[in-house]
Structure formats: structure tokens, C-alpha cells
Amino acid sequence: MINKILSLKNRIVRKLFRNYAFKKMLPKIFMIETVLGCNLHCLECSWGSGAIKRKAGVMSFDQFKVIADKIKPFAEYIYLIIWGEPLLNPDIFKIINYASRFAKTNISTNGQLINQDNAFKLIHSGLTDLIISIDGVTQEVYEKYRRGGDISKAINSLTLLNKINKSSGNKVNIIPQFIVFKHNERELPAFERLCSNLGLKPYFKEPYFQKNSKLENSSLPQFKRNRSYSSDLTSLKKEVKKCIDVYKAMNILLDGSVVPCCYDDQGKIIFGNIFKQDVLEIWNGPISFNFRSNVHKGNPPQFCLDNCLLYNYDPNNIRKVKK
């Protein structure tokens, strides 16, 4: 009986500690939509596929500065992109420079708009991490996903950025990214050689599949997990509970709306607006707090169950994994 009482007491203490720790969690990572729009039409991208119905646009430096000054006490890492090509924003270099004064920064580009001038500006902007997405080494394979893209431009951009970066003392961590599908898996070795010749380390990434995708997952063993597909609703809720981004990241759309994550590409759930409120007012507000609390308790909102591409449940999806 005493052992049972002690065991119960320990469980209660652990639960209280977890709840206390949960309430003390503050955002450290910020994802800011500095541009909504792109020069390519990638199949699995919410913008490229036409899924996003919001109006395209760019965030001005003055608008960004309002956000930056509010998140400065909290931010450790800032993604200056959610859906779109950051180099379409004429203020992106000023934005990077300002954000990099108080946090590590990241942008991802398809490399189609890189030239000598903006390549130099990027490397000297204060940027921490630069992702260059190149999913193939031949035009035939590359354009199956990067629709409208030119593989020669992408590779030349990577080469140019790497050259300027090396001559400048490697100011930026350049990350050549390759999203692995079945149609491009045979070009992984060639991409590895390309990166090796440049002295860079490639990053191979599993795709996030949209529903009814026309693309296929890789047949290679290391890429066959295809994220996490649950076989039933109970399993899915347990998987979603593992999501840690909801506890540490704040996602800010072009108009200042704060949403649960990047998968809310339509702005369906609005926690608040960073142009009108401060960080803690939004983070500790009832909508945001209850959303995180329900995920924490293993009872995630229906939005997560329907829209998450990291933890997914779709009984009609042929890529579903039995648990």
C-alpha cells in the first residue's frame, strides 16, 4: 500500500512539473513570412501548387522592424521565410542585417535569382544559414519538382555563393538541399560529388507530401519512412503530441497574423496580430495557450489532425505506414 501511495505521489509530482514547465515555455524560434510568392511552381509547396489563396506580397523593412523590435527579447533563431522566394523582396538584405544583430538567421532560396551583386550582399548580410534547394543535377529530373526552374542557374548560383563565401572567410553556413523523391533518387551520388567538389556537405531531406500528390516517395531504405503516417486516429493523436515546434516557435504571416505553424498556410487559426499586440500577449492569450495545452495533453485540435504534413493520417494515402 505504501509503495502504491509513493508511486501515485511521484506520478502527480511529475505531472505537476511537466505542467509547470509547459507554462514557462516561451518562443525562441520565429518564422516570418517576409514574402508570399515565388518564381517557381514546386508541386509539394503550398504556394507553388496553388493551395494558398492569400494575396501575394512582400513585407517592407519598416514593417519587419516593428516585428523585430518586439521579438528581440525572445528570438534565438529566425527563419525569414515561410512560403515563397525571399529574393523577391527588395528589402531582404536590410531585413537580414537587422535581424542578425540579435539572433541567428536563415533563408531558403531556389537560386534562380542569384547574380554577382546579390550573392555578395547575401554573404555579407549577417546571415547565419543559407539553404539552396537543388533537387537534381539534370534539367529533366530537376524540373519534375522545381517547375519553371533552370538547373544550370541553380548550380551556378551555388558555385558563385560558395566562391564568394570562401573568399570572405566563410561567413555563412551554405546548405545545399536535395529533397529526395523516387524520380530523383538516382542523382543523389552525382549531387554528393558536386557538393564534395565545392567543399560543401549536402543535406538530403524527406519530402512533405500534399494530399493527392502526383509524386512518389523514394525507394531507398533511408528515405522510406516518409514522415509519420498513422493507421488510426488514436495513434495520430499520440504522434502529434510529440510536436515540439508548438511550444517554442511563433509563425508570423505577411499581414502580421500569428498562426500555429507553417501548415496553417491559409491563416485559419489566428492567435493574434504582432502589429497590434506584443509577443507575450499573443503567446499567453487564450487561443494560443489552449491550442498548445491541447497538444500537450494528447488531444490536439482538429486543425492538426487535418493539416499537419509531419504527423499525418490519411487512410486513402498509399504511402500510409501501419503502426
Protein backbone atom coordinates (compact mmCIF):
# COMPACT_ATOMS: atom_id res chain seq x y z
CA MET A 1 0.00 0.00 0.00
CA ILE A 2 2.82 2.41 0.91
CA ASN A 3 4.57 1.67 -2.40
CA LYS A 4 1.35 2.39 -4.30
CA ILE A 5 0.91 5.68 -2.48
CA LEU A 6 4.52 6.67 -3.19
CA SER A 7 4.15 5.68 -6.84
CA LEU A 8 0.97 7.77 -7.14
CA LYS A 9 2.69 10.69 -5.42
CA ASN A 10 5.62 10.50 -7.86
CA ARG A 11 3.28 10.48 -10.85
CA ILE A 12 1.46 13.54 -9.51
CA VAL A 13 4.73 15.37 -8.89
CA ARG A 14 5.98 14.56 -12.40
CA LYS A 15 2.70 15.73 -13.92
CA LEU A 16 2.78 18.99 -11.94
CA PHE A 17 6.38 19.56 -13.02
CA ARG A 18 5.53 18.94 -16.69
CA ASN A 19 2.59 21.34 -16.47
CA TYR A 20 4.76 23.97 -14.78
CA ALA A 21 7.48 23.57 -17.41
CA PHE A 22 4.87 23.77 -20.18
CA LYS A 23 3.53 27.09 -18.86
CA LYS A 24 7.05 28.51 -18.64
CA MET A 25 7.91 27.74 -22.28
CA LEU A 26 8.40 30.85 -24.40
CA PRO A 27 9.02 31.15 -28.15
CA LYS A 28 12.68 31.10 -29.16
CA ILE A 29 12.24 30.43 -32.86
CA PHE A 30 10.38 32.82 -35.14
CA MET A 31 9.24 32.10 -38.68
CA ILE A 32 8.39 35.31 -40.52
CA GLU A 33 6.76 35.47 -43.94
CA THR A 34 8.86 38.26 -45.48
CA VAL A 35 7.44 37.36 -48.89
CA LEU A 36 4.42 35.44 -50.15
CA GLY A 37 5.03 34.44 -53.74
CA CYS A 38 7.57 32.61 -55.85
CA ASN A 39 9.09 32.49 -59.31
CA LEU A 40 8.70 28.68 -59.41
CA HIS A 41 5.75 26.31 -59.07
CA CYS A 42 7.00 23.37 -56.99
CA LEU A 43 4.44 20.60 -56.72
CA GLU A 44 4.54 19.96 -52.97
CA CYS A 45 4.76 23.63 -51.98
CA SER A 46 1.52 25.21 -50.79
CA TRP A 47 2.21 28.29 -52.89
CA GLY A 48 3.58 26.50 -55.94
CA SER A 49 0.69 24.05 -56.03
CA GLY A 50 -1.85 26.87 -55.86
CA ALA A 51 -3.22 25.82 -52.48
CA ILE A 52 -2.67 29.22 -50.87
CA LYS A 53 -5.42 31.68 -51.71
CA ARG A 54 -3.97 34.66 -49.84
CA LYS A 55 -2.74 37.59 -51.91
CA ALA A 56 0.93 37.63 -52.88
CA GLY A 57 3.09 40.39 -51.45
CA VAL A 58 6.26 41.40 -49.67
CA MET A 59 6.97 42.73 -46.19
CA SER A 60 8.65 46.12 -46.12
CA PHE A 61 11.67 46.76 -43.94
CA ASP A 62 9.65 49.19 -41.81
CA GLN A 63 7.01 46.52 -41.20
CA PHE A 64 9.67 43.97 -40.36
CA LYS A 65 11.39 46.35 -37.94
CA VAL A 66 8.16 46.63 -35.93
CA ILE A 67 8.11 42.83 -35.61
CA ALA A 68 11.85 42.55 -34.95
CA ASP A 69 11.82 45.04 -32.11
CA LYS A 70 9.03 43.07 -30.42
CA ILE A 71 10.60 39.62 -30.78
CA LYS A 72 14.15 40.74 -29.95
CA PRO A 73 13.97 39.78 -26.22
CA PHE A 74 12.94 36.22 -27.12
CA ALA A 75 14.42 35.31 -30.51
CA GLU A 76 17.38 32.97 -30.78
CA TYR A 77 16.77 31.82 -34.36
CA ILE A 78 14.73 33.50 -37.10
CA TYR A 79 13.56 31.95 -40.36
CA LEU A 80 12.97 34.89 -42.69
CA ILE A 81 10.74 32.88 -44.98
CA ILE A 82 7.66 30.66 -44.78
CA TRP A 83 6.11 30.32 -48.25
CA GLY A 84 7.99 31.97 -51.09
CA GLU A 85 11.28 33.06 -52.60
CA PRO A 86 12.97 35.59 -50.27
CA LEU A 87 14.96 37.30 -53.05
CA LEU A 88 11.69 38.62 -54.49
CA ASN A 89 11.66 41.03 -51.54
CA PRO A 90 13.79 44.10 -52.39
CA ASP A 91 14.30 44.78 -48.66
CA ILE A 92 15.50 41.27 -47.80
CA PHE A 93 19.14 42.29 -47.28
CA LYS A 94 18.19 45.09 -44.87
CA ILE A 95 15.84 42.67 -43.11
CA ILE A 96 18.55 40.02 -42.72
CA ASN A 97 21.07 42.57 -41.49
CA TYR A 98 18.73 43.94 -38.84
CA ALA A 99 17.59 40.52 -37.58
CA SER A 100 21.14 39.19 -37.50
CA ARG A 101 22.11 41.80 -34.91
CA PHE A 102 20.27 39.88 -32.21
CA ALA A 103 19.58 36.35 -33.50
CA LYS A 104 20.76 33.66 -35.87
CA THR A 105 19.02 33.90 -39.23
CA ASN A 106 18.04 31.58 -42.07
CA ILE A 107 16.65 31.88 -45.58
CA SER A 108 15.99 29.27 -48.23
CA THR A 109 16.27 30.09 -51.93
CA ASN A 110 15.84 28.23 -55.20
CA GLY A 111 18.86 30.09 -56.56
CA GLN A 112 17.16 31.27 -59.75
CA LEU A 113 17.57 34.98 -58.97
CA ILE A 114 21.18 34.93 -57.78
CA ASN A 115 23.66 37.21 -59.52
CA GLN A 116 27.08 38.64 -58.65
CA ASP A 117 25.63 41.65 -56.84
CA ASN A 118 23.01 39.98 -54.65
CA ALA A 119 25.26 36.99 -54.00
CA PHE A 120 27.82 39.35 -52.44
CA LYS A 121 25.07 41.10 -50.46
CA LEU A 122 23.77 37.79 -49.14
CA ILE A 123 27.15 36.60 -47.93
CA HIS A 124 27.82 39.95 -46.22
CA SER A 125 24.31 40.47 -44.84
CA GLY A 126 24.94 38.82 -41.46
CA LEU A 127 23.01 35.71 -42.47
CA THR A 128 23.76 32.55 -40.46
CA ASP A 129 22.37 29.73 -42.62
CA LEU A 130 21.62 29.77 -46.33
CA ILE A 131 19.69 26.85 -47.81
CA ILE A 132 19.90 26.42 -51.58
CA SER A 133 17.34 23.94 -52.86
CA ILE A 134 18.55 21.83 -55.79
CA ASP A 135 16.70 18.54 -56.27
CA GLY A 136 18.67 17.01 -59.13
CA VAL A 137 21.65 17.57 -61.40
CA THR A 138 19.98 17.28 -64.82
CA GLN A 139 17.23 19.52 -66.17
CA GLU A 140 14.93 16.59 -66.94
CA VAL A 141 14.94 15.37 -63.35
CA TYR A 142 15.19 18.77 -61.65
CA GLU A 143 12.14 20.30 -63.34
CA LYS A 144 9.82 17.45 -62.37
CA TYR A 145 9.58 19.09 -58.95
CA ARG A 146 11.08 22.58 -59.42
CA ARG A 147 8.66 23.55 -62.18
CA GLY A 148 9.87 26.58 -64.09
CA GLY A 149 13.41 26.27 -62.74
CA ASP A 150 16.71 26.03 -64.61
CA ILE A 151 19.19 23.52 -63.15
CA SER A 152 22.19 25.36 -64.65
CA LYS A 153 21.15 28.57 -62.86
CA ALA A 154 20.75 26.74 -59.56
CA ILE A 155 24.16 25.06 -59.77
CA ASN A 156 25.86 28.25 -60.96
CA SER A 157 24.30 30.13 -58.04
CA LEU A 158 25.56 27.55 -55.57
CA THR A 159 29.04 27.76 -57.09
CA LEU A 160 29.07 31.56 -57.06
CA LEU A 161 27.82 31.87 -53.49
CA ASN A 162 30.34 29.29 -52.32
CA LYS A 163 33.19 31.13 -54.06
CA ILE A 164 32.28 34.49 -52.51
CA ASN A 165 31.73 32.88 -49.12
CA LYS A 166 35.15 31.21 -49.13
CA SER A 167 36.91 34.39 -50.18
CA SER A 168 35.09 36.23 -47.38
CA GLY A 169 36.14 33.83 -44.63
CA ASN A 170 33.09 31.52 -44.75
CA LYS A 171 30.73 34.00 -43.15
CA VAL A 172 27.65 31.92 -43.99
CA ASN A 173 26.81 28.25 -43.49
CA ILE A 174 25.77 27.22 -47.00
CA ILE A 175 23.47 24.19 -47.10
CA PRO A 176 22.84 22.56 -50.50
CA GLN A 177 19.46 20.85 -50.01
CA PHE A 178 18.15 17.92 -52.03
CA ILE A 179 14.56 16.76 -51.43
CA VAL A 180 14.56 13.06 -52.22
CA PHE A 181 11.76 11.55 -54.34
CA LYS A 182 11.63 8.38 -56.38
CA HIS A 183 12.17 10.30 -59.62
CA ASN A 184 15.44 11.93 -58.49
CA GLU A 185 16.99 9.34 -56.15
CA ARG A 186 19.35 8.09 -58.85
CA GLU A 187 21.01 11.51 -58.96
CA LEU A 188 22.00 11.55 -55.27
CA PRO A 189 25.57 10.30 -55.96
CA ALA A 190 26.14 12.98 -58.59
CA PHE A 191 24.82 15.66 -56.23
CA GLU A 192 27.13 14.40 -53.49
CA ARG A 193 30.08 14.67 -55.89
CA LEU A 194 29.05 18.19 -56.88
CA CYS A 195 28.94 19.30 -53.25
CA SER A 196 32.17 17.49 -52.39
CA ASN A 197 34.00 19.28 -55.21
CA LEU A 198 32.82 22.58 -53.71
CA GLY A 199 33.78 21.56 -50.19
CA LEU A 200 30.15 21.55 -49.07
CA LYS A 201 28.06 18.97 -47.25
CA PRO A 202 24.74 18.10 -48.91
CA TYR A 203 21.54 17.87 -46.91
CA PHE A 204 19.14 15.18 -48.10
CA LYS A 205 15.59 15.79 -46.96
CA GLU A 206 12.45 13.68 -46.96
CA PRO A 207 9.52 15.35 -48.72
CA TYR A 208 6.33 16.61 -47.13
CA PHE A 209 3.62 15.19 -49.36
CA GLN A 210 0.45 17.15 -50.01
CA LYS A 211 -2.74 15.10 -50.20
CA ASN A 212 -3.30 13.56 -53.64
CA SER A 213 0.33 14.16 -54.57
CA LYS A 214 1.44 13.04 -58.02
CA LEU A 215 4.98 12.40 -56.80
CA GLU A 216 6.30 9.23 -55.22
CA ASN A 217 8.44 8.67 -52.16
CA SER A 218 11.97 7.34 -52.59
CA SER A 219 12.53 3.59 -52.70
CA LEU A 220 15.82 3.98 -50.82
CA PRO A 221 15.60 2.49 -47.30
CA GLN A 222 16.80 5.64 -45.53
CA PHE A 223 14.05 7.70 -47.16
CA LYS A 224 11.14 5.26 -46.98
CA ARG A 225 9.79 6.46 -43.62
CA ASN A 226 8.07 9.39 -45.36
CA ARG A 227 7.44 11.27 -42.14
CA SER A 228 4.87 9.76 -39.81
CA TYR A 229 1.65 8.24 -41.15
CA SER A 230 -0.62 6.80 -38.50
CA SER A 231 -3.05 3.98 -39.15
CA ASP A 232 -5.76 5.29 -36.84
CA LEU A 233 -6.86 8.45 -35.04
CA THR A 234 -5.64 7.34 -31.61
CA SER A 235 -2.13 6.75 -32.97
CA LEU A 236 -2.17 10.07 -34.76
CA LYS A 237 -3.03 11.98 -31.58
CA LYS A 238 -0.09 10.33 -29.82
CA GLU A 239 2.19 11.31 -32.68
CA VAL A 240 1.03 14.92 -32.75
CA LYS A 241 1.74 15.13 -29.02
CA LYS A 242 5.43 14.76 -29.94
CA CYS A 243 5.38 18.06 -31.81
CA ILE A 244 7.81 20.41 -30.10
CA ASP A 245 7.53 23.35 -32.50
CA VAL A 246 4.20 24.33 -30.99
CA TYR A 247 5.99 25.01 -27.69
CA LYS A 248 8.93 27.03 -28.98
CA ALA A 249 8.09 28.59 -32.36
CA MET A 250 5.99 31.56 -33.39
CA ASN A 251 4.82 31.79 -37.00
CA ILE A 252 4.05 35.24 -38.39
CA LEU A 253 2.31 35.73 -41.73
CA LEU A 254 2.71 38.66 -44.11
CA ASP A 255 -0.10 40.70 -42.54
CA GLY A 256 1.22 40.12 -39.01
CA SER A 257 -1.19 37.31 -38.18
CA VAL A 258 0.28 34.75 -35.80
CA VAL A 259 -0.74 31.19 -36.68
CA PRO A 260 0.00 27.78 -35.07
CA CYS A 261 2.60 26.65 -37.63
CA CYS A 262 3.63 26.86 -41.28
CA TYR A 263 0.96 24.31 -42.20
CA ASP A 264 -1.68 26.94 -41.50
CA ASP A 265 -0.88 28.45 -44.86
CA GLN A 266 -4.38 29.95 -45.17
CA GLY A 267 -4.38 31.66 -41.77
CA LYS A 268 -7.32 29.65 -40.47
CA ILE A 269 -6.38 29.87 -36.78
CA ILE A 270 -5.25 33.30 -35.68
CA PHE A 271 -3.62 33.63 -32.26
CA GLY A 272 -3.27 37.39 -32.64
CA ASN A 273 -1.52 40.04 -34.72
CA ILE A 274 2.06 41.08 -33.99
CA PHE A 275 1.50 44.56 -35.43
CA LYS A 276 -1.21 45.21 -32.84
CA GLN A 277 -0.04 43.11 -29.86
CA ASP A 278 3.20 42.14 -28.19
CA VAL A 279 4.71 38.65 -28.10
CA LEU A 280 3.58 37.61 -24.62
CA GLU A 281 0.06 38.96 -25.12
CA ILE A 282 -0.30 36.68 -28.13
CA TRP A 283 1.64 33.69 -26.72
CA ASN A 284 -0.26 33.65 -23.42
CA GLY A 285 -3.58 34.60 -24.96
CA PRO A 286 -6.45 32.10 -24.61
CA ILE A 287 -6.41 30.86 -28.23
CA SER A 288 -2.68 30.23 -28.33
CA PHE A 289 -2.42 28.81 -24.82
CA ASN A 290 -5.37 26.44 -25.23
CA PHE A 291 -4.02 25.24 -28.58
CA ARG A 292 -0.65 24.33 -27.05
CA SER A 293 -2.29 22.88 -23.97
CA ASN A 294 -4.47 20.52 -26.01
CA VAL A 295 -1.46 19.28 -27.99
CA HIS A 296 0.41 18.81 -24.71
CA LYS A 297 -2.46 16.73 -23.29
CA GLY A 298 -2.62 14.46 -26.34
CA ASN A 299 -5.89 15.95 -27.54
CA PRO A 300 -4.71 18.11 -30.45
CA PRO A 301 -7.09 20.46 -32.28
CA GLN A 302 -8.81 19.13 -35.37
CA PHE A 303 -6.66 21.51 -37.40
CA CYS A 304 -3.55 19.46 -36.57
CA LEU A 305 -5.21 16.19 -37.47
CA ASP A 306 -6.39 17.53 -40.81
CA ASN A 307 -3.46 19.67 -41.92
CA CYS A 308 -0.17 18.50 -40.42
CA LEU A 309 2.24 17.09 -43.02
CA LEU A 310 4.76 15.93 -40.44
CA TYR A 311 2.32 13.79 -38.46
CA ASN A 312 -0.37 12.63 -40.82
CA TYR A 313 -3.39 10.37 -41.00
CA ASP A 314 -4.93 9.66 -44.36
CA PRO A 315 -6.50 6.21 -44.77
CA ASN A 316 -6.62 6.66 -48.55
CA ASN A 317 -2.95 7.60 -48.90
CA ILE A 318 -0.95 4.77 -50.45
CA ARG A 319 2.13 5.92 -48.52
CA LYS A 320 0.45 5.32 -45.14
CA VAL A 321 2.56 3.36 -42.69
CA LYS A 322 0.95 0.78 -40.44
CA LYS A 323 1.89 1.30 -36.80
